[in-house]
Amino acid sequence: MDQNIQAPIQNVTEVLPQGALESKATKSLILGIIGMVAWFIPIIGFPIQIVGLVFGIKSLHSTKSGRATAGIVLCVIGLVFSTINAGIGAYLGATGQYPQINQMFSR
């Protein structure tokens, strides 16, 4: 008898209850909506939108995939706006064109 026969490899995936995926889709949508306001302050907007994006991607295959897609779209739009806002703020701060900072340092 041949003792070196190996059993076929089985794919082992994490099985989550359907309710957990649906709640992640809802969380993604809510964080996307909050992120549409939070992009004005990038230090707050980035983490909110990244977490919402992760929740949305993880819940794409749930029964609430529409909510997940809407959350992903809102989070991506918010991330783009946050990046632009942070870039403009960094540019204005680095070139000395930001009026509030100029007033603070001129005293």
Foldseek 3Di string as FASTA:
>chain_A
DDPPDDDDDDDDDDDDPLVVLVVLLVLLLVLLVVLVVVLLPLVVNVVSLVSSLVSLVSNCPHPVVVSSVNSNVSSVVSVVSSVVNVVVVVVCVVVVNDVVVVVVVVD
